[in-house]
C-alpha atoms as a PDB file:
ATOM      1  CA  MET A   1     -32.879   9.832  -6.653  1.00  0.00           C
ATOM      2  CA  ARG A   2     -32.905   6.027  -7.748  1.00  0.00           C
ATOM      3  CA  LYS A   3     -30.430   4.344  -5.762  1.00  0.00           C
ATOM      4  CA  VAL A   4     -27.784   2.186  -7.558  1.00  0.00           C
ATOM      5  CA  ARG A   5     -28.740  -1.610  -7.316  1.00  0.00           C
ATOM      6  CA  ILE A   6     -26.138  -3.754  -6.655  1.00  0.00           C
ATOM      7  CA  GLN A   7     -26.878  -7.409  -6.480  1.00  0.00           C
ATOM      8  CA  ILE A   8     -24.794 -10.056  -4.875  1.00  0.00           C
ATOM      9  CA  SER A   9     -25.246 -13.591  -5.640  1.00  0.00           C
ATOM     10  CA  LEU A  10     -22.816 -15.702  -3.801  1.00  0.00           C
ATOM     11  CA  TYR A  11     -24.734 -18.622  -2.644  1.00  0.00           C
ATOM     12  CA  PRO A  12     -22.640 -21.819  -2.922  1.00  0.00           C
ATOM     13  CA  PRO A  13     -22.252 -22.627  -6.504  1.00  0.00           C
ATOM     14  CA  LYS A  14     -23.121 -25.638  -8.243  1.00  0.00           C
ATOM     15  CA  PHE A  15     -19.400 -26.604  -9.222  1.00  0.00           C
ATOM     16  CA  LEU A  16     -18.744 -25.938  -5.038  1.00  0.00           C
ATOM     17  CA  PRO A  17     -21.745 -26.631  -2.911  1.00  0.00           C
ATOM     18  CA  THR A  18     -20.371 -26.744  -0.010  1.00  0.00           C
ATOM     19  CA  PHE A  19     -18.339 -23.029  -0.248  1.00  0.00           C
ATOM     20  CA  PRO A  20     -19.718 -21.049   2.516  1.00  0.00           C
ATOM     21  CA  PRO A  21     -22.005 -18.374   1.283  1.00  0.00           C
ATOM     22  CA  TYR A  22     -21.273 -14.602   1.321  1.00  0.00           C
ATOM     23  CA  PRO A  23     -22.201 -13.019   4.825  1.00  0.00           C
ATOM     24  CA  GLU A  24     -24.774 -11.108   5.706  1.00  0.00           C
ATOM     25  CA  ALA A  25     -22.782  -9.099   7.224  1.00  0.00           C
ATOM     26  CA  CYS A  26     -20.190  -8.148   4.552  1.00  0.00           C
ATOM     27  CA  ALA A  27     -23.698  -7.033   2.635  1.00  0.00           C
ATOM     28  CA  GLN A  28     -24.646  -4.769   5.508  1.00  0.00           C
ATOM     29  CA  ARG A  29     -21.180  -3.732   5.886  1.00  0.00           C
ATOM     30  CA  ILE A  30     -21.465  -2.579   2.039  1.00  0.00           C
ATOM     31  CA  ARG A  31     -25.181  -1.013   2.834  1.00  0.00           C
ATOM     32  CA  GLU A  32     -23.710   1.355   5.687  1.00  0.00           C
ATOM     33  CA  GLU A  33     -20.239   2.513   3.365  1.00  0.00           C
ATOM     34  CA  PHE A  34     -22.346   3.081   0.401  1.00  0.00           C
ATOM     35  CA  PRO A  35     -26.250   4.580   1.701  1.00  0.00           C
ATOM     36  CA  GLY A  36     -26.781   5.902  -1.739  1.00  0.00           C
ATOM     37  CA  THR A  37     -27.009   2.135  -2.922  1.00  0.00           C
ATOM     38  CA  GLU A  38     -29.545  -0.897  -2.585  1.00  0.00           C
ATOM     39  CA  VAL A  39     -27.754  -4.066  -1.854  1.00  0.00           C
ATOM     40  CA  VAL A  40     -29.658  -6.929  -2.410  1.00  0.00           C
ATOM     41  CA  LEU A  41     -27.782 -10.206  -1.342  1.00  0.00           C
ATOM     42  CA  ALA A  42     -29.707 -12.938  -3.453  1.00  0.00           C
ATOM     43  CA  LYS A  43     -29.833 -16.420  -1.380  1.00  0.00           C
ATOM     44  CA  SER A  44     -31.160 -18.638  -4.116  1.00  0.00           C
ATOM     45  CA  GLU A  45     -31.269 -19.660  -7.768  1.00  0.00           C
ATOM     46  CA  GLU A  46     -34.544 -18.157  -8.069  1.00  0.00           C
ATOM     47  CA  GLU A  47     -33.483 -15.213  -6.109  1.00  0.00           C
ATOM     48  CA  HIS A  48     -30.675 -14.629  -8.229  1.00  0.00           C
ATOM     49  CA  ARG A  49     -32.950 -14.550 -12.025  1.00  0.00           C
ATOM     50  CA  GLN A  50     -35.746 -12.209  -9.762  1.00  0.00           C
ATOM     51  CA  GLY A  51     -32.735  -9.572  -9.184  1.00  0.00           C
ATOM     52  CA  LEU A  52     -31.502  -9.468 -12.459  1.00  0.00           C
ATOM     53  CA  PRO A  53     -33.718  -7.111 -14.643  1.00  0.00           C
ATOM     54  CA  GLU A  54     -33.045  -4.578 -12.069  1.00  0.00           C
ATOM     55  CA  ALA A  55     -29.066  -4.648 -11.303  1.00  0.00           C
ATOM     56  CA  GLU A  56     -27.032  -2.552 -12.280  1.00  0.00           C
ATOM     57  CA  VAL A  57     -23.755  -4.145 -10.429  1.00  0.00           C
ATOM     58  CA  LEU A  58     -23.631  -8.001 -10.183  1.00  0.00           C
ATOM     59  CA  PHE A  59     -21.535  -9.696  -7.923  1.00  0.00           C
ATOM     60  CA  THR A  60     -21.696 -13.232  -8.526  1.00  0.00           C
ATOM     61  CA  TRP A  61     -19.246 -16.610  -9.188  1.00  0.00           C
ATOM     62  CA  ARG A  62     -19.963 -17.194 -13.010  1.00  0.00           C
ATOM     63  CA  PRO A  63     -21.961 -15.085 -15.069  1.00  0.00           C
ATOM     64  CA  SER A  64     -23.782 -16.427 -17.662  1.00  0.00           C
ATOM     65  CA  GLY A  65     -24.776 -15.686 -20.923  1.00  0.00           C
ATOM     66  CA  GLN A  66     -28.244 -15.622 -19.886  1.00  0.00           C
ATOM     67  CA  ASP A  67     -27.341 -13.559 -16.595  1.00  0.00           C
ATOM     68  CA  ILE A  68     -26.027 -10.945 -19.490  1.00  0.00           C
ATOM     69  CA  ARG A  69     -28.911 -11.022 -21.338  1.00  0.00           C
ATOM     70  CA  GLN A  70     -31.354 -10.881 -18.378  1.00  0.00           C
ATOM     71  CA  ALA A  71     -29.846  -7.642 -16.860  1.00  0.00           C
ATOM     72  CA  GLY A  72     -31.128  -4.859 -19.078  1.00  0.00           C
ATOM     73  CA  CYS A  73     -29.814  -2.261 -16.260  1.00  0.00           C
ATOM     74  CA  LEU A  74     -26.184  -3.901 -16.036  1.00  0.00           C
ATOM     75  CA  ARG A  75     -22.973  -1.728 -16.169  1.00  0.00           C
ATOM     76  CA  TRP A  76     -20.332  -3.407 -14.189  1.00  0.00           C
ATOM     77  CA  VAL A  77     -19.990  -7.390 -13.549  1.00  0.00           C
ATOM     78  CA  HIS A  78     -17.518  -8.688 -10.429  1.00  0.00           C
ATOM     79  CA  VAL A  79     -15.831 -11.851  -9.813  1.00  0.00           C
ATOM     80  CA  PRO A  80     -14.326 -12.800  -6.613  1.00  0.00           C
ATOM     81  CA  SER A  81     -11.947 -14.913  -8.549  1.00  0.00           C
ATOM     82  CA  ALA A  82      -8.715 -14.194 -10.485  1.00  0.00           C
ATOM     83  CA  GLY A  83      -8.940 -16.354 -13.542  1.00  0.00           C
ATOM     84  CA  VAL A  84     -11.868 -15.464 -15.332  1.00  0.00           C
ATOM     85  CA  ASP A  85     -11.735 -18.136 -18.054  1.00  0.00           C
ATOM     86  CA  HIS A  86     -15.352 -19.603 -16.597  1.00  0.00           C
ATOM     87  CA  SER A  87     -17.130 -15.802 -16.600  1.00  0.00           C
ATOM     88  CA  LEU A  88     -16.534 -15.136 -20.216  1.00  0.00           C
ATOM     89  CA  PRO A  89     -19.960 -15.736 -22.111  1.00  0.00           C
ATOM     90  CA  ARG A  90     -19.719 -14.310 -25.896  1.00  0.00           C
ATOM     91  CA  ASP A  91     -22.831 -11.779 -24.591  1.00  0.00           C
ATOM     92  CA  LEU A  92     -20.960 -10.607 -21.687  1.00  0.00           C
ATOM     93  CA  VAL A  93     -17.666 -10.089 -24.119  1.00  0.00           C
ATOM     94  CA  GLU A  94     -19.632  -8.384 -26.825  1.00  0.00           C
ATOM     95  CA  SER A  95     -21.671  -6.230 -24.528  1.00  0.00           C
ATOM     96  CA  PRO A  96     -20.306  -2.537 -23.215  1.00  0.00           C
ATOM     97  CA  VAL A  97     -20.838  -4.379 -19.575  1.00  0.00           C
ATOM     98  CA  VAL A  98     -17.199  -4.056 -17.878  1.00  0.00           C
ATOM     99  CA  LEU A  99     -15.836  -6.986 -16.154  1.00  0.00           C
ATOM    100  CA  THR A 100     -13.635  -6.773 -13.199  1.00  0.00           C
ATOM    101  CA  ASN A 101     -11.693  -9.866 -10.915  1.00  0.00           C
ATOM    102  CA  SER A 102     -10.371 -10.299  -7.739  1.00  0.00           C
ATOM    103  CA  SER A 103      -6.727 -10.357  -8.405  1.00  0.00           C
ATOM    104  CA  GLY A 104      -5.090  -9.894  -5.554  1.00  0.00           C
ATOM    105  CA  LEU A 105      -7.682 -11.093  -3.098  1.00  0.00           C
ATOM    106  CA  HIS A 106      -5.971 -14.633  -2.747  1.00  0.00           C
ATOM    107  CA  GLY A 107      -2.306 -13.989  -3.232  1.00  0.00           C
ATOM    108  CA  VAL A 108      -1.923 -14.715   0.744  1.00  0.00           C
ATOM    109  CA  PRO A 109      -3.372 -18.279   0.889  1.00  0.00           C
ATOM    110  CA  ILE A 110      -2.205 -19.147  -2.570  1.00  0.00           C
ATOM    111  CA  ALA A 111       1.767 -17.983  -1.827  1.00  0.00           C
ATOM    112  CA  GLU A 112       1.665 -20.185   1.436  1.00  0.00           C
ATOM    113  CA  ASN A 113       0.419 -23.182  -0.092  1.00  0.00           C
ATOM    114  CA  VAL A 114       3.060 -22.809  -2.557  1.00  0.00           C
ATOM    115  CA  LEU A 115       5.790 -22.665   0.014  1.00  0.00           C
ATOM    116  CA  GLY A 116       4.184 -25.492   1.672  1.00  0.00           C
ATOM    117  CA  MET A 117       4.004 -27.577  -0.922  1.00  0.00           C
ATOM    118  CA  MET A 118       7.728 -26.599  -1.825  1.00  0.00           C
ATOM    119  CA  ILE A 119       8.901 -27.580   1.701  1.00  0.00           C
ATOM    120  CA  VAL A 120       6.865 -31.088   1.817  1.00  0.00           C
ATOM    121  CA  LEU A 121       8.215 -32.087  -1.494  1.00  0.00           C
ATOM    122  CA  ALA A 122      11.841 -30.684  -1.130  1.00  0.00           C
ATOM    123  CA  ARG A 123      12.222 -32.195   2.784  1.00  0.00           C
ATOM    124  CA  LYS A 124      10.353 -35.545   1.537  1.00  0.00           C
ATOM    125  CA  LEU A 125       7.544 -34.597   4.549  1.00  0.00           C
ATOM    126  CA  HIS A 126       4.802 -36.775   2.625  1.00  0.00           C
ATOM    127  CA  ASP A 127       7.403 -39.794   2.776  1.00  0.00           C
ATOM    128  CA  CYS A 128       7.383 -39.507   6.212  1.00  0.00           C
ATOM    129  CA  MET A 129       3.897 -38.823   7.045  1.00  0.00           C
ATOM    130  CA  ARG A 130       3.259 -42.368   4.687  1.00  0.00           C
ATOM    131  CA  PHE A 131       6.136 -44.254   7.135  1.00  0.00           C
ATOM    132  CA  GLN A 132       4.209 -42.613  10.297  1.00  0.00           C
ATOM    133  CA  MET A 133       0.808 -44.297   9.338  1.00  0.00           C
ATOM    134  CA  GLU A 134       2.564 -47.406   8.358  1.00  0.00           C
ATOM    135  CA  GLY A 135       4.613 -47.314  11.775  1.00  0.00           C
ATOM    136  CA  ARG A 136       7.883 -47.220   9.835  1.00  0.00           C
ATOM    137  CA  TRP A 137      11.096 -45.495  10.811  1.00  0.00           C
ATOM    138  CA  GLY A 138      12.013 -44.851   7.405  1.00  0.00           C
ATOM    139  CA  ARG A 139      15.200 -43.058   7.438  1.00  0.00           C
ATOM    140  CA  ASN A 140      17.068 -45.487   5.743  1.00  0.00           C
ATOM    141  CA  GLU A 141      14.837 -44.895   2.773  1.00  0.00           C
ATOM    142  CA  LEU A 142      15.042 -41.195   3.053  1.00  0.00           C
ATOM    143  CA  MET A 143      19.131 -41.307   2.964  1.00  0.00           C
ATOM    144  CA  ARG A 144      18.451 -43.238  -0.843  1.00  0.00           C
ATOM    145  CA  THR A 145      16.413 -40.159  -2.008  1.00  0.00           C
ATOM    146  CA  TYR A 146      19.154 -38.057  -0.843  1.00  0.00           C
ATOM    147  CA  PRO A 147      19.890 -36.658  -4.405  1.00  0.00           C
ATOM    148  CA  THR A 148      16.369 -34.813  -4.449  1.00  0.00           C
ATOM    149  CA  LEU A 149      16.342 -34.701  -0.748  1.00  0.00           C
ATOM    150  CA  SER A 150      16.510 -30.908  -1.302  1.00  0.00           C
ATOM    151  CA  GLU A 151      16.574 -27.527   0.613  1.00  0.00           C
ATOM    152  CA  LEU A 152      14.709 -24.149  -0.323  1.00  0.00           C
ATOM    153  CA  TYR A 153      18.017 -21.980   0.623  1.00  0.00           C
ATOM    154  CA  GLY A 154      20.410 -20.816  -2.029  1.00  0.00           C
ATOM    155  CA  ARG A 155      17.814 -22.593  -4.888  1.00  0.00           C
ATOM    156  CA  THR A 156      16.318 -20.869  -7.710  1.00  0.00           C
ATOM    157  CA  ALA A 157      12.221 -20.746  -7.718  1.00  0.00           C
ATOM    158  CA  GLY A 158      11.103 -19.363 -11.342  1.00  0.00           C
ATOM    159  CA  ILE A 159       7.746 -18.076 -11.343  1.00  0.00           C
ATOM    160  CA  VAL A 160       5.584 -18.146 -14.525  1.00  0.00           C
ATOM    161  CA  GLY A 161       3.467 -15.097 -14.792  1.00  0.00           C
ATOM    162  CA  LEU A 162       4.485 -12.362 -11.943  1.00  0.00           C
ATOM    163  CA  GLY A 163       1.193 -10.997 -11.481  1.00  0.00           C
ATOM    164  CA  SER A 164      -0.367 -10.430  -8.056  1.00  0.00           C
ATOM    165  CA  ILE A 165      -0.240 -13.992  -6.784  1.00  0.00           C
ATOM    166  CA  GLY A 166       3.299 -14.604  -8.617  1.00  0.00           C
ATOM    167  CA  ARG A 167       4.620 -11.668  -6.458  1.00  0.00           C
ATOM    168  CA  GLU A 168       3.288 -12.878  -2.708  1.00  0.00           C
ATOM    169  CA  ILE A 169       5.108 -16.343  -3.961  1.00  0.00           C
ATOM    170  CA  ALA A 170       8.118 -14.500  -4.959  1.00  0.00           C
ATOM    171  CA  ARG A 171       8.023 -12.383  -1.735  1.00  0.00           C
ATOM    172  CA  ARG A 172       7.884 -15.282   0.662  1.00  0.00           C
ATOM    173  CA  ALA A 173      10.380 -17.803  -1.788  1.00  0.00           C
ATOM    174  CA  LYS A 174      13.090 -14.731  -1.153  1.00  0.00           C
ATOM    175  CA  ALA A 175      12.489 -14.739   2.594  1.00  0.00           C
ATOM    176  CA  PHE A 176      13.665 -18.256   2.481  1.00  0.00           C
ATOM    177  CA  GLY A 177      17.224 -17.307   0.568  1.00  0.00           C
ATOM    178  CA  MET A 178      15.942 -18.432  -2.917  1.00  0.00           C
ATOM    179  CA  ARG A 179      16.939 -16.858  -5.881  1.00  0.00           C
ATOM    180  CA  ILE A 180      14.091 -15.957  -7.870  1.00  0.00           C
ATOM    181  CA  LEU A 181      13.539 -15.544 -11.547  1.00  0.00           C
ATOM    182  CA  ALA A 182      10.185 -14.678 -12.984  1.00  0.00           C
ATOM    183  CA  THR A 183       8.323 -14.002 -16.748  1.00  0.00           C
ATOM    184  CA  LYS A 184       6.215 -11.052 -17.019  1.00  0.00           C
ATOM    185  CA  ARG A 185       4.115 -10.191 -20.052  1.00  0.00           C
ATOM    186  CA  ASP A 186       5.120  -6.000 -19.662  1.00  0.00           C
ATOM    187  CA  VAL A 187       8.773  -6.505 -18.502  1.00  0.00           C
ATOM    188  CA  GLY A 188       9.014  -2.729 -18.772  1.00  0.00           C
ATOM    189  CA  VAL A 189       6.587  -2.177 -15.980  1.00  0.00           C
ATOM    190  CA  ASP A 190       7.897  -0.814 -12.846  1.00  0.00           C
ATOM    191  CA  LEU A 191       7.822  -3.102 -10.181  1.00  0.00           C
ATOM    192  CA  GLY A 192       8.286  -0.713  -7.336  1.00  0.00           C
ATOM    193  CA  SER A 193       9.293  -3.058  -4.130  1.00  0.00           C
ATOM    194  CA  ASN A 194       8.721  -5.910  -5.414  1.00  0.00           C
ATOM    195  CA  GLN A 195      11.871  -5.698  -7.844  1.00  0.00           C
ATOM    196  CA  ASP A 196      13.563  -6.368  -4.302  1.00  0.00           C
ATOM    197  CA  TRP A 197      12.437  -9.410  -4.234  1.00  0.00           C
ATOM    198  CA  VAL A 198      13.121 -10.583  -8.013  1.00  0.00           C
ATOM    199  CA  ASP A 199      16.404 -11.679  -9.415  1.00  0.00           C
ATOM    200  CA  ARG A 200      15.764 -11.481 -13.130  1.00  0.00           C
ATOM    201  CA  LEU A 201      12.640 -10.558 -14.821  1.00  0.00           C
ATOM    202  CA  LEU A 202      12.301 -11.960 -18.368  1.00  0.00           C
ATOM    203  CA  PRO A 203       9.529 -11.658 -20.967  1.00  0.00           C
ATOM    204  CA  PRO A 204       7.535 -14.997 -22.117  1.00  0.00           C
ATOM    205  CA  GLU A 205       9.845 -15.691 -24.700  1.00  0.00           C
ATOM    206  CA  GLY A 206      12.112 -16.342 -21.881  1.00  0.00           C
ATOM    207  CA  LEU A 207      10.476 -19.240 -20.283  1.00  0.00           C
ATOM    208  CA  PRO A 208      13.317 -21.787 -21.767  1.00  0.00           C
ATOM    209  CA  GLU A 209      16.126 -20.166 -19.797  1.00  0.00           C
ATOM    210  CA  LEU A 210      13.883 -19.828 -16.718  1.00  0.00           C
ATOM    211  CA  LEU A 211      12.860 -23.601 -17.143  1.00  0.00           C
ATOM    212  CA  ARG A 212      16.370 -24.703 -17.053  1.00  0.00           C
ATOM    213  CA  GLU A 213      17.806 -22.695 -14.527  1.00  0.00           C
ATOM    214  CA  SER A 214      15.030 -23.112 -11.807  1.00  0.00           C
ATOM    215  CA  ASP A 215      14.918 -25.910  -8.961  1.00  0.00           C
ATOM    216  CA  PHE A 216      11.516 -25.066  -8.178  1.00  0.00           C
ATOM    217  CA  VAL A 217       9.203 -23.718 -11.509  1.00  0.00           C
ATOM    218  CA  VAL A 218       5.515 -22.261 -10.405  1.00  0.00           C
ATOM    219  CA  ILE A 219       2.897 -21.701 -13.093  1.00  0.00           C
ATOM    220  CA  ALA A 220       0.924 -18.836 -11.685  1.00  0.00           C
ATOM    221  CA  THR A 221      -0.569 -17.191 -15.148  1.00  0.00           C
ATOM    222  CA  PRO A 222      -3.830 -17.106 -16.068  1.00  0.00           C
ATOM    223  CA  LEU A 223      -5.439 -19.566 -18.866  1.00  0.00           C
ATOM    224  CA  THR A 224      -5.422 -17.781 -22.116  1.00  0.00           C
ATOM    225  CA  PRO A 225      -5.173 -18.829 -25.836  1.00  0.00           C
ATOM    226  CA  ALA A 226      -1.634 -18.450 -25.289  1.00  0.00           C
ATOM    227  CA  THR A 227      -0.781 -20.434 -22.255  1.00  0.00           C
ATOM    228  CA  ARG A 228      -3.152 -23.072 -23.126  1.00  0.00           C
ATOM    229  CA  GLY A 229      -0.640 -26.352 -23.627  1.00  0.00           C
ATOM    230  CA  LEU A 230       2.102 -23.916 -22.598  1.00  0.00           C
ATOM    231  CA  ILE A 231       4.043 -27.021 -20.631  1.00  0.00           C
ATOM    232  CA  GLY A 232       4.189 -29.909 -22.769  1.00  0.00           C
ATOM    233  CA  GLU A 233       7.233 -32.477 -23.236  1.00  0.00           C
ATOM    234  CA  ALA A 234       9.775 -29.599 -24.849  1.00  0.00           C
ATOM    235  CA  GLU A 235       9.248 -27.608 -21.557  1.00  0.00           C
ATOM    236  CA  LEU A 236       9.648 -30.538 -19.218  1.00  0.00           C
ATOM    237  CA  ARG A 237      12.297 -32.049 -20.700  1.00  0.00           C
ATOM    238  CA  MET A 238      14.137 -28.745 -20.107  1.00  0.00           C
ATOM    239  CA  MET A 239      13.604 -28.871 -16.429  1.00  0.00           C
ATOM    240  CA  LYS A 240      16.577 -30.087 -14.528  1.00  0.00           C
ATOM    241  CA  PRO A 241      15.555 -33.984 -13.093  1.00  0.00           C
ATOM    242  CA  THR A 242      16.361 -32.959  -9.589  1.00  0.00           C
ATOM    243  CA  ALA A 243      13.681 -29.702 -10.125  1.00  0.00           C
ATOM    244  CA  PHE A 244      10.083 -29.764  -8.891  1.00  0.00           C
ATOM    245  CA  LEU A 245       6.879 -28.238 -10.755  1.00  0.00           C
ATOM    246  CA  PHE A 246       3.932 -26.565  -8.863  1.00  0.00           C
ATOM    247  CA  ASN A 247       0.646 -25.434 -10.490  1.00  0.00           C
ATOM    248  CA  ILE A 248      -1.569 -22.981  -8.888  1.00  0.00           C
ATOM    249  CA  GLY A 249      -2.832 -21.434 -12.333  1.00  0.00           C
ATOM    250  CA  ARG A 250      -5.449 -23.248 -14.372  1.00  0.00           C
ATOM    251  CA  GLY A 251      -4.816 -27.066 -15.506  1.00  0.00           C
ATOM    252  CA  PRO A 252      -4.907 -26.882 -18.980  1.00  0.00           C
ATOM    253  CA  ILE A 253      -1.391 -24.713 -18.798  1.00  0.00           C
ATOM    254  CA  ILE A 254       0.161 -27.969 -18.564  1.00  0.00           C
ATOM    255  CA  GLN A 255      -0.239 -31.148 -21.112  1.00  0.00           C
ATOM    256  CA  GLU A 256      -1.500 -33.549 -18.244  1.00  0.00           C
ATOM    257  CA  ALA A 257      -0.883 -36.753 -19.885  1.00  0.00           C
ATOM    258  CA  ILE A 258       3.023 -35.427 -20.585  1.00  0.00           C
ATOM    259  CA  LEU A 259       3.180 -34.312 -17.004  1.00  0.00           C
ATOM    260  CA  VAL A 260       2.203 -37.840 -15.801  1.00  0.00           C
ATOM    261  CA  GLN A 261       5.063 -39.519 -18.358  1.00  0.00           C
ATOM    262  CA  ALA A 262       7.600 -37.101 -17.075  1.00  0.00           C
ATOM    263  CA  LEU A 263       7.104 -37.739 -13.452  1.00  0.00           C
ATOM    264  CA  LYS A 264       6.960 -41.710 -13.860  1.00  0.00           C
ATOM    265  CA  GLU A 265       9.988 -41.303 -16.099  1.00  0.00           C
ATOM    266  CA  GLY A 266      11.982 -39.126 -13.576  1.00  0.00           C
ATOM    267  CA  TRP A 267      12.267 -35.945 -16.118  1.00  0.00           C
ATOM    268  CA  ILE A 268      11.910 -34.066 -13.207  1.00  0.00           C
ATOM    269  CA  ALA A 269      11.761 -35.053  -9.310  1.00  0.00           C
ATOM    270  CA  GLY A 270       8.191 -34.381  -8.652  1.00  0.00           C
ATOM    271  CA  ALA A 271       4.968 -31.878  -8.498  1.00  0.00           C
ATOM    272  CA  GLY A 272       2.941 -29.973  -6.687  1.00  0.00           C
ATOM    273  CA  LEU A 273      -0.599 -29.425  -8.388  1.00  0.00           C
ATOM    274  CA  ASP A 274      -3.543 -27.792  -7.038  1.00  0.00           C
ATOM    275  CA  VAL A 275      -5.500 -27.508 -10.598  1.00  0.00           C
ATOM    276  CA  PHE A 276      -6.264 -29.843 -13.115  1.00  0.00           C
ATOM    277  CA  GLU A 277      -7.281 -30.143 -16.973  1.00  0.00           C
ATOM    278  CA  VAL A 278     -10.578 -31.823 -15.502  1.00  0.00           C
ATOM    279  CA  GLU A 279     -12.016 -31.107 -12.210  1.00  0.00           C
ATOM    280  CA  PRO A 280     -12.567 -32.846  -9.567  1.00  0.00           C
ATOM    281  CA  LEU A 281      -9.610 -35.023 -10.544  1.00  0.00           C
ATOM    282  CA  PRO A 282     -11.212 -38.206 -11.998  1.00  0.00           C
ATOM    283  CA  ALA A 283     -10.537 -41.213  -9.523  1.00  0.00           C
ATOM    284  CA  GLU A 284      -8.662 -43.092 -12.075  1.00  0.00           C
ATOM    285  CA  SER A 285      -5.834 -40.527 -12.428  1.00  0.00           C
ATOM    286  CA  GLU A 286      -2.413 -41.707 -12.194  1.00  0.00           C
ATOM    287  CA  LEU A 287      -1.579 -38.450 -10.131  1.00  0.00           C
ATOM    288  CA  TYR A 288      -2.859 -39.711  -6.920  1.00  0.00           C
ATOM    289  CA  ARG A 289      -0.926 -42.715  -6.699  1.00  0.00           C
ATOM    290  CA  LEU A 290       2.468 -41.455  -7.827  1.00  0.00           C
ATOM    291  CA  PRO A 291       4.535 -40.888  -5.133  1.00  0.00           C
ATOM    292  CA  ASN A 292       6.326 -38.084  -6.292  1.00  0.00           C
ATOM    293  CA  VAL A 293       3.021 -35.668  -6.479  1.00  0.00           C
ATOM    294  CA  LEU A 294       1.334 -33.913  -4.272  1.00  0.00           C
ATOM    295  CA  VAL A 295      -2.790 -32.961  -4.964  1.00  0.00           C
ATOM    296  CA  THR A 296      -4.551 -30.636  -3.622  1.00  0.00           C
ATOM    297  CA  PRO A 297      -7.995 -30.156  -4.097  1.00  0.00           C
ATOM    298  CA  HIS A 298      -8.013 -26.438  -6.145  1.00  0.00           C
ATOM    299  CA  TYR A 299      -8.595 -25.077  -2.908  1.00  0.00           C
ATOM    300  CA  SER A 300      -5.516 -23.011  -2.363  1.00  0.00           C
ATOM    301  CA  GLY A 301      -6.595 -19.096  -2.823  1.00  0.00           C
ATOM    302  CA  ILE A 302      -9.207 -20.181   0.151  1.00  0.00           C
ATOM    303  CA  GLY A 303      -8.674 -19.001   3.687  1.00  0.00           C
ATOM    304  CA  SER A 304     -10.676 -17.781   6.704  1.00  0.00           C
ATOM    305  CA  GLY A 305     -10.159 -14.072   5.920  1.00  0.00           C
ATOM    306  CA  TYR A 306     -11.851 -14.689   2.126  1.00  0.00           C
ATOM    307  CA  TRP A 307     -14.918 -13.138   1.989  1.00  0.00           C
ATOM    308  CA  GLU A 308     -13.967  -9.940   4.377  1.00  0.00           C
ATOM    309  CA  ARG A 309     -10.733  -9.676   1.804  1.00  0.00           C
ATOM    310  CA  GLY A 310     -12.993  -9.753  -0.917  1.00  0.00           C
ATOM    311  CA  THR A 311     -15.420  -7.223   0.202  1.00  0.00           C
ATOM    312  CA  ASP A 312     -12.475  -4.920   0.726  1.00  0.00           C
ATOM    313  CA  LEU A 313     -11.270  -5.124  -2.700  1.00  0.00           C
ATOM    314  CA  PHE A 314     -14.867  -4.587  -4.213  1.00  0.00           C
ATOM    315  CA  CYS A 315     -15.773  -1.984  -1.684  1.00  0.00           C
ATOM    316  CA  ALA A 316     -12.840  -0.125  -2.730  1.00  0.00           C
ATOM    317  CA  ASN A 317     -14.241  -0.328  -6.661  1.00  0.00           C
ATOM    318  CA  LEU A 318     -17.664   0.512  -6.184  1.00  0.00           C
ATOM    319  CA  GLY A 319     -16.405   4.009  -4.412  1.00  0.00           C
ATOM    320  CA  ARG A 320     -14.474   4.625  -7.969  1.00  0.00           C
ATOM    321  CA  PHE A 321     -17.625   3.076  -9.753  1.00  0.00           C
ATOM    322  CA  LEU A 322     -19.986   5.909  -8.042  1.00  0.00           C
ATOM    323  CA  ARG A 323     -17.254   8.346  -8.474  1.00  0.00           C
ATOM    324  CA  GLY A 324     -17.328   7.653 -12.317  1.00  0.00           C
ATOM    325  CA  GLU A 325     -13.512   6.864 -11.970  1.00  0.00           C
ATOM    326  CA  ARG A 326     -11.449   3.994 -13.800  1.00  0.00           C
ATOM    327  CA  LEU A 327     -12.088   0.546 -12.029  1.00  0.00           C
ATOM    328  CA  THR A 328      -9.185  -1.153 -11.083  1.00  0.00           C
ATOM    329  CA  ASN A 329      -8.696  -5.270 -12.026  1.00  0.00           C
ATOM    330  CA  LEU A 330     -10.344  -4.817 -15.329  1.00  0.00           C
ATOM    331  CA  VAL A 331     -10.576  -7.776 -17.745  1.00  0.00           C
ATOM    332  CA  ASN A 332      -9.543  -7.254 -21.027  1.00  0.00           C
ATOM    333  CA  LYS A 333     -12.638  -9.453 -22.368  1.00  0.00           C
ATOM    334  CA  GLU A 334     -11.200 -10.098 -26.209  1.00  0.00           C
ATOM    335  CA  ALA A 335      -8.149 -11.060 -24.217  1.00  0.00           C
ATOM    336  CA  GLY A 336      -9.480 -13.304 -21.601  1.00  0.00           C
ATOM    337  CA  TYR A 337      -7.133 -11.572 -18.449  1.00  0.00           C
END
């Protein structure tokens, strides 16, 4: 019987050339767990192209239209990201090939990153680091910022998009004694034990209420036509002047020029941003120089166990695929999530 051919094309991508490639040890684990498969680990663009015509399963960063046209046997594409806005060429959308994402893979490191940014901005640790580098005590300067020298305990965190990442953020924020509001498309879905971490679940139409009540607003929703530009002037003016905004979703969800204005004019207290409209963030961006902004280079989903957790998720779905069962993390290709 012909073995199912799995091609793993996870060599460092052009958009992130320093990212560690998929380990041979992880590929070998798949071979050992699924002896009825042939696992090919492509280590270059040339090897990727050579293997596509016979691949039935493709585990890759951002499938292109050329990939789909060239892979005549392809039945399933899996990507190591949660967002798929870069993984939906028209050839894939219009094909019968199924697409799955890695929702759940990034929740732990991203949630830790968000809570870290909350603490840094609320407790003015970024200012303390500046004082340290300048050899200054800075205590009086901090006291003058008292209205925005905040705490997490007893404050309200509003999570826009209670998916797998949003739930991990809610879980950790709750442990800090925070009140949790969240929006979710399907508010009728049973959250199980996750419900213990959310004080109030709102439909997308409840966004204004969330913005008005929250001290910390976290954007954790995917980028879709409905969420592009979701946070603009009206939304930022709804927020408290003492509130902080965090974005670990996608840059274009927030209208960046308006956000800069809001930060400069004091509509909100500050922002922690891991994603941007243009990446890398251009050197001339004012966001780098605003004292109430924490900029991180779209790295929050990465941690030392990234590929091992990614292999766990892929193997679980590969078992379903080989048994003819419905896959988890299926992407609605037309909807974009």
